Amino acid sequence: QSHFPELAQKSSEIAFLEEWLEEVGSKRPLSKLEIMQREMEGAIASELYERAAELRDAIKLLQTRDTTV
């Protein structure tokens, strides 16, 4: 899925860089926020709603802390 499909068709460099970006993005470590969001999604899928609510609250706290710094 190219961000610039018309350029990717004309330029092998653009196509290469977009593939590389996708590869690097998939290998980067997850942030604490991303880990908590995934865990919350898993808790919801498993119907562990109390745990999901705890994670939701922790995520909100973390996001608030990040925006006030």
PDB file of N, CA and C in Angstrom:
ATOM      1  N   GLN A   1       0.849  -1.175   0.000  1.00  0.00           N
ATOM      2  CA  GLN A   1       0.000   0.000   0.000  1.00  0.00           C
ATOM      3  C   GLN A   1       0.894   1.237   0.000  1.00  0.00           C
ATOM      4  N   SER A   2       0.991   1.844  -1.119  1.00  0.00           N
ATOM      5  CA  SER A   2       1.885   2.970  -1.314  1.00  0.00           C
ATOM      6  C   SER A   2       1.225   4.275  -0.895  1.00  0.00           C
ATOM      7  N   HIS A   3       2.026   5.148  -0.287  1.00  0.00           N
ATOM      8  CA  HIS A   3       1.540   6.484   0.028  1.00  0.00           C
ATOM      9  C   HIS A   3       1.515   7.348  -1.227  1.00  0.00           C
ATOM     10  N   PHE A   4       2.348   7.002  -2.180  1.00  0.00           N
ATOM     11  CA  PHE A   4       2.458   7.736  -3.443  1.00  0.00           C
ATOM     12  C   PHE A   4       2.464   6.738  -4.596  1.00  0.00           C
ATOM     13  N   PRO A   5       1.324   6.116  -4.899  1.00  0.00           N
ATOM     14  CA  PRO A   5       1.308   5.039  -5.894  1.00  0.00           C
ATOM     15  C   PRO A   5       1.801   5.467  -7.267  1.00  0.00           C
ATOM     16  N   GLU A   6       1.481   6.698  -7.682  1.00  0.00           N
ATOM     17  CA  GLU A   6       1.926   7.137  -9.007  1.00  0.00           C
ATOM     18  C   GLU A   6       3.443   7.297  -9.062  1.00  0.00           C
ATOM     19  N   LEU A   7       4.054   7.728  -7.951  1.00  0.00           N
ATOM     20  CA  LEU A   7       5.512   7.855  -7.914  1.00  0.00           C
ATOM     21  C   LEU A   7       6.178   6.488  -7.795  1.00  0.00           C
ATOM     22  N   ALA A   8       5.577   5.596  -7.014  1.00  0.00           N
ATOM     23  CA  ALA A   8       6.157   4.266  -6.827  1.00  0.00           C
ATOM     24  C   ALA A   8       6.216   3.510  -8.142  1.00  0.00           C
ATOM     25  N   GLN A   9       5.240   3.727  -9.008  1.00  0.00           N
ATOM     26  CA  GLN A   9       5.248   3.056 -10.310  1.00  0.00           C
ATOM     27  C   GLN A   9       6.366   3.595 -11.197  1.00  0.00           C
ATOM     28  N   LYS A  10       6.688   4.858 -11.041  1.00  0.00           N
ATOM     29  CA  LYS A  10       7.704   5.491 -11.888  1.00  0.00           C
ATOM     30  C   LYS A  10       9.107   5.372 -11.309  1.00  0.00           C
ATOM     31  N   SER A  11       9.204   5.199 -10.012  1.00  0.00           N
ATOM     32  CA  SER A  11      10.513   5.235  -9.367  1.00  0.00           C
ATOM     33  C   SER A  11      10.742   3.991  -8.517  1.00  0.00           C
ATOM     34  N   SER A  12      11.754   3.241  -8.874  1.00  0.00           N
ATOM     35  CA  SER A  12      12.074   2.054  -8.079  1.00  0.00           C
ATOM     36  C   SER A  12      12.592   2.449  -6.700  1.00  0.00           C
ATOM     37  N   GLU A  13      13.197   3.642  -6.588  1.00  0.00           N
ATOM     38  CA  GLU A  13      13.689   4.105  -5.290  1.00  0.00           C
ATOM     39  C   GLU A  13      12.532   4.345  -4.319  1.00  0.00           C
ATOM     40  N   ILE A  14      11.458   4.966  -4.813  1.00  0.00           N
ATOM     41  CA  ILE A  14      10.287   5.204  -3.961  1.00  0.00           C
ATOM     42  C   ILE A  14       9.698   3.871  -3.505  1.00  0.00           C
ATOM     43  N   ALA A  15       9.565   2.940  -4.425  1.00  0.00           N
ATOM     44  CA  ALA A  15       9.021   1.621  -4.086  1.00  0.00           C
ATOM     45  C   ALA A  15       9.897   0.944  -3.038  1.00  0.00           C
ATOM     46  N   PHE A  16      11.218   0.999  -3.233  1.00  0.00           N
ATOM     47  CA  PHE A  16      12.144   0.388  -2.274  1.00  0.00           C
ATOM     48  C   PHE A  16      12.015   1.041  -0.905  1.00  0.00           C
ATOM     49  N   LEU A  17      11.990   2.374  -0.866  1.00  0.00           N
ATOM     50  CA  LEU A  17      11.922   3.077   0.410  1.00  0.00           C
ATOM     51  C   LEU A  17      10.613   2.796   1.144  1.00  0.00           C
ATOM     52  N   GLU A  18       9.522   2.677   0.424  1.00  0.00           N
ATOM     53  CA  GLU A  18       8.259   2.363   1.081  1.00  0.00           C
ATOM     54  C   GLU A  18       8.262   0.944   1.650  1.00  0.00           C
ATOM     55  N   GLU A  19       8.848   0.004   0.929  1.00  0.00           N
ATOM     56  CA  GLU A  19       8.970  -1.364   1.449  1.00  0.00           C
ATOM     57  C   GLU A  19       9.850  -1.380   2.687  1.00  0.00           C
ATOM     58  N   TRP A  20      10.935  -0.630   2.639  1.00  0.00           N
ATOM     59  CA  TRP A  20      11.869  -0.556   3.760  1.00  0.00           C
ATOM     60  C   TRP A  20      11.191   0.068   4.977  1.00  0.00           C
ATOM     61  N   LEU A  21      10.413   1.128   4.759  1.00  0.00           N
ATOM     62  CA  LEU A  21       9.690   1.774   5.847  1.00  0.00           C
ATOM     63  C   LEU A  21       8.729   0.799   6.520  1.00  0.00           C
ATOM     64  N   GLU A  22       8.025   0.022   5.728  1.00  0.00           N
ATOM     65  CA  GLU A  22       7.095  -0.963   6.273  1.00  0.00           C
ATOM     66  C   GLU A  22       7.841  -2.016   7.090  1.00  0.00           C
ATOM     67  N   GLU A  23       8.974  -2.472   6.580  1.00  0.00           N
ATOM     68  CA  GLU A  23       9.771  -3.485   7.281  1.00  0.00           C
ATOM     69  C   GLU A  23      10.307  -2.944   8.601  1.00  0.00           C
ATOM     70  N   VAL A  24      10.868  -1.755   8.579  1.00  0.00           N
ATOM     71  CA  VAL A  24      11.426  -1.153   9.789  1.00  0.00           C
ATOM     72  C   VAL A  24      10.315  -0.893  10.805  1.00  0.00           C
ATOM     73  N   GLY A  25       9.181  -0.395  10.329  1.00  0.00           N
ATOM     74  CA  GLY A  25       8.061  -0.113  11.225  1.00  0.00           C
ATOM     75  C   GLY A  25       7.549  -1.349  11.927  1.00  0.00           C
ATOM     76  N   SER A  26       7.563  -2.478  11.241  1.00  0.00           N
ATOM     77  CA  SER A  26       7.059  -3.708  11.851  1.00  0.00           C
ATOM     78  C   SER A  26       8.039  -4.300  12.855  1.00  0.00           C
ATOM     79  N   LYS A  27       9.296  -3.884  12.800  1.00  0.00           N
ATOM     80  CA  LYS A  27      10.309  -4.451  13.695  1.00  0.00           C
ATOM     81  C   LYS A  27      10.632  -3.558  14.890  1.00  0.00           C
ATOM     82  N   ARG A  28      10.144  -2.321  14.876  1.00  0.00           N
ATOM     83  CA  ARG A  28      10.492  -1.421  15.973  1.00  0.00           C
ATOM     84  C   ARG A  28       9.803  -1.880  17.251  1.00  0.00           C
ATOM     85  N   PRO A  29      10.441  -1.660  18.381  1.00  0.00           N
ATOM     86  CA  PRO A  29       9.831  -2.060  19.647  1.00  0.00           C
ATOM     87  C   PRO A  29       8.560  -1.251  19.913  1.00  0.00           C
ATOM     88  N   LEU A  30       7.612  -1.882  20.560  1.00  0.00           N
ATOM     89  CA  LEU A  30       6.369  -1.199  20.903  1.00  0.00           C
ATOM     90  C   LEU A  30       6.595  -0.287  22.100  1.00  0.00           C
ATOM     91  N   SER A  31       5.908   0.829  22.104  1.00  0.00           N
ATOM     92  CA  SER A  31       5.969   1.722  23.258  1.00  0.00           C
ATOM     93  C   SER A  31       5.118   1.128  24.384  1.00  0.00           C
ATOM     94  N   LYS A  32       5.298   1.667  25.576  1.00  0.00           N
ATOM     95  CA  LYS A  32       4.502   1.206  26.717  1.00  0.00           C
ATOM     96  C   LYS A  32       3.014   1.408  26.427  1.00  0.00           C
ATOM     97  N   LEU A  33       2.687   2.527  25.803  1.00  0.00           N
ATOM     98  CA  LEU A  33       1.298   2.819  25.459  1.00  0.00           C
ATOM     99  C   LEU A  33       0.743   1.795  24.472  1.00  0.00           C
ATOM    100  N   GLU A  34       1.515   1.462  23.447  1.00  0.00           N
ATOM    101  CA  GLU A  34       1.071   0.477  22.457  1.00  0.00           C
ATOM    102  C   GLU A  34       0.877  -0.899  23.092  1.00  0.00           C
ATOM    103  N   ILE A  35       1.771  -1.268  23.988  1.00  0.00           N
ATOM    104  CA  ILE A  35       1.658  -2.558  24.681  1.00  0.00           C
ATOM    105  C   ILE A  35       0.368  -2.597  25.499  1.00  0.00           C
ATOM    106  N   MET A  36       0.103  -1.513  26.219  1.00  0.00           N
ATOM    107  CA  MET A  36      -1.102  -1.458  27.049  1.00  0.00           C
ATOM    108  C   MET A  36      -2.364  -1.477  26.185  1.00  0.00           C
ATOM    109  N   GLN A  37      -2.339  -0.784  25.051  1.00  0.00           N
ATOM    110  CA  GLN A  37      -3.503  -0.776  24.160  1.00  0.00           C
ATOM    111  C   GLN A  37      -3.776  -2.171  23.609  1.00  0.00           C
ATOM    112  N   ARG A  38      -2.730  -2.873  23.229  1.00  0.00           N
ATOM    113  CA  ARG A  38      -2.911  -4.242  22.719  1.00  0.00           C
ATOM    114  C   ARG A  38      -3.428  -5.169  23.811  1.00  0.00           C
ATOM    115  N   GLU A  39      -2.893  -4.989  25.026  1.00  0.00           N
ATOM    116  CA  GLU A  39      -3.358  -5.819  26.141  1.00  0.00           C
ATOM    117  C   GLU A  39      -4.831  -5.534  26.435  1.00  0.00           C
ATOM    118  N   MET A  40      -5.230  -4.259  26.347  1.00  0.00           N
ATOM    119  CA  MET A  40      -6.628  -3.903  26.574  1.00  0.00           C
ATOM    120  C   MET A  40      -7.526  -4.535  25.507  1.00  0.00           C
ATOM    121  N   GLU A  41      -7.095  -4.495  24.253  1.00  0.00           N
ATOM    122  CA  GLU A  41      -7.864  -5.123  23.174  1.00  0.00           C
ATOM    123  C   GLU A  41      -8.021  -6.623  23.421  1.00  0.00           C
ATOM    124  N   GLY A  42      -6.946  -7.254  23.903  1.00  0.00           N
ATOM    125  CA  GLY A  42      -7.012  -8.679  24.219  1.00  0.00           C
ATOM    126  C   GLY A  42      -7.953  -8.965  25.371  1.00  0.00           C
ATOM    127  N   ALA A  43      -7.927  -8.090  26.374  1.00  0.00           N
ATOM    128  CA  ALA A  43      -8.824  -8.262  27.517  1.00  0.00           C
ATOM    129  C   ALA A  43     -10.282  -8.135  27.081  1.00  0.00           C
ATOM    130  N   ILE A  44     -10.556  -7.191  26.198  1.00  0.00           N
ATOM    131  CA  ILE A  44     -11.926  -7.027  25.692  1.00  0.00           C
ATOM    132  C   ILE A  44     -12.341  -8.266  24.906  1.00  0.00           C
ATOM    133  N   ALA A  45     -11.454  -8.739  24.046  1.00  0.00           N
ATOM    134  CA  ALA A  45     -11.760  -9.929  23.242  1.00  0.00           C
ATOM    135  C   ALA A  45     -12.016 -11.144  24.130  1.00  0.00           C
ATOM    136  N   SER A  46     -11.329 -11.200  25.274  1.00  0.00           N
ATOM    137  CA  SER A  46     -11.501 -12.315  26.208  1.00  0.00           C
ATOM    138  C   SER A  46     -12.605 -12.048  27.229  1.00  0.00           C
ATOM    139  N   GLU A  47     -13.296 -10.929  27.053  1.00  0.00           N
ATOM    140  CA  GLU A  47     -14.383 -10.521  27.943  1.00  0.00           C
ATOM    141  C   GLU A  47     -13.914 -10.324  29.380  1.00  0.00           C
ATOM    142  N   LEU A  48     -12.686  -9.864  29.533  1.00  0.00           N
ATOM    143  CA  LEU A  48     -12.143  -9.521  30.846  1.00  0.00           C
ATOM    144  C   LEU A  48     -12.315  -8.011  31.026  1.00  0.00           C
ATOM    145  N   TYR A  49     -13.558  -7.608  31.231  1.00  0.00           N
ATOM    146  CA  TYR A  49     -13.903  -6.192  31.185  1.00  0.00           C
ATOM    147  C   TYR A  49     -13.312  -5.386  32.338  1.00  0.00           C
ATOM    148  N   GLU A  50     -13.173  -5.994  33.494  1.00  0.00           N
ATOM    149  CA  GLU A  50     -12.568  -5.278  34.616  1.00  0.00           C
ATOM    150  C   GLU A  50     -11.108  -4.957  34.302  1.00  0.00           C
ATOM    151  N   ARG A  51     -10.398  -5.932  33.763  1.00  0.00           N
ATOM    152  CA  ARG A  51      -8.996  -5.707  33.377  1.00  0.00           C
ATOM    153  C   ARG A  51      -8.916  -4.669  32.258  1.00  0.00           C
ATOM    154  N   ALA A  52      -9.828  -4.740  31.306  1.00  0.00           N
ATOM    155  CA  ALA A  52      -9.843  -3.769  30.211  1.00  0.00           C
ATOM    156  C   ALA A  52     -10.065  -2.354  30.747  1.00  0.00           C
ATOM    157  N   ALA A  53     -10.944  -2.219  31.733  1.00  0.00           N
ATOM    158  CA  ALA A  53     -11.207  -0.906  32.326  1.00  0.00           C
ATOM    159  C   ALA A  53      -9.978  -0.384  33.068  1.00  0.00           C
ATOM    160  N   GLU A  54      -9.280  -1.268  33.776  1.00  0.00           N
ATOM    161  CA  GLU A  54      -8.048  -0.868  34.465  1.00  0.00           C
ATOM    162  C   GLU A  54      -7.021  -0.362  33.456  1.00  0.00           C
ATOM    163  N   LEU A  55      -6.882  -1.092  32.369  1.00  0.00           N
ATOM    164  CA  LEU A  55      -5.930  -0.696  31.334  1.00  0.00           C
ATOM    165  C   LEU A  55      -6.353   0.617  30.675  1.00  0.00           C
ATOM    166  N   ARG A  56      -7.643   0.767  30.411  1.00  0.00           N
ATOM    167  CA  ARG A  56      -8.153   2.011  29.826  1.00  0.00           C
ATOM    168  C   ARG A  56      -7.785   3.199  30.705  1.00  0.00           C
ATOM    169  N   ASP A  57      -7.992   3.057  32.019  1.00  0.00           N
ATOM    170  CA  ASP A  57      -7.683   4.138  32.948  1.00  0.00           C
ATOM    171  C   ASP A  57      -6.186   4.421  32.992  1.00  0.00           C
ATOM    172  N   ALA A  58      -5.380   3.367  32.968  1.00  0.00           N
ATOM    173  CA  ALA A  58      -3.927   3.537  32.976  1.00  0.00           C
ATOM    174  C   ALA A  58      -3.450   4.206  31.688  1.00  0.00           C
ATOM    175  N   ILE A  59      -4.067   3.860  30.573  1.00  0.00           N
ATOM    176  CA  ILE A  59      -3.718   4.471  29.287  1.00  0.00           C
ATOM    177  C   ILE A  59      -4.048   5.960  29.311  1.00  0.00           C
ATOM    178  N   LYS A  60      -5.226   6.305  29.813  1.00  0.00           N
ATOM    179  CA  LYS A  60      -5.615   7.718  29.902  1.00  0.00           C
ATOM    180  C   LYS A  60      -4.643   8.491  30.777  1.00  0.00           C
ATOM    181  N   LEU A  61      -4.248   7.898  31.892  1.00  0.00           N
ATOM    182  CA  LEU A  61      -3.296   8.541  32.793  1.00  0.00           C
ATOM    183  C   LEU A  61      -1.958   8.753  32.097  1.00  0.00           C
ATOM    184  N   LEU A  62      -1.489   7.744  31.404  1.00  0.00           N
ATOM    185  CA  LEU A  62      -0.221   7.836  30.685  1.00  0.00           C
ATOM    186  C   LEU A  62      -0.294   8.903  29.591  1.00  0.00           C
ATOM    187  N   GLN A  63      -1.391   8.949  28.859  1.00  0.00           N
ATOM    188  CA  GLN A  63      -1.551   9.951  27.802  1.00  0.00           C
ATOM    189  C   GLN A  63      -1.609  11.356  28.390  1.00  0.00           C
ATOM    190  N   THR A  64      -2.289  11.514  29.512  1.00  0.00           N
ATOM    191  CA  THR A  64      -2.368  12.820  30.168  1.00  0.00           C
ATOM    192  C   THR A  64      -0.994  13.261  30.638  1.00  0.00           C
ATOM    193  N   ARG A  65      -0.255  12.335  31.205  1.00  0.00           N
ATOM    194  CA  ARG A  65       1.090  12.639  31.683  1.00  0.00           C
ATOM    195  C   ARG A  65       2.006  13.032  30.531  1.00  0.00           C
ATOM    196  N   ASP A  66       1.867  12.349  29.396  1.00  0.00           N
ATOM    197  CA  ASP A  66       2.698  12.651  28.226  1.00  0.00           C
ATOM    198  C   ASP A  66       2.384  14.017  27.639  1.00  0.00           C
ATOM    199  N   THR A  67       1.138  14.457  27.697  1.00  0.00           N
ATOM    200  CA  THR A  67       0.775  15.743  27.101  1.00  0.00           C
ATOM    201  C   THR A  67       1.072  16.915  28.019  1.00  0.00           C
ATOM    202  N   THR A  68       1.225  16.666  29.316  1.00  0.00           N
ATOM    203  CA  THR A  68       1.507  17.758  30.244  1.00  0.00           C
ATOM    204  C   THR A  68       2.992  17.969  30.454  1.00  0.00           C
ATOM    205  N   VAL A  69       3.810  17.098  29.923  1.00  0.00           N
ATOM    206  CA  VAL A  69       5.266  17.220  30.103  1.00  0.00           C
ATOM    207  C   VAL A  69       5.849  18.116  29.052  1.00  0.00           C
TER     208      VAL A  69
END
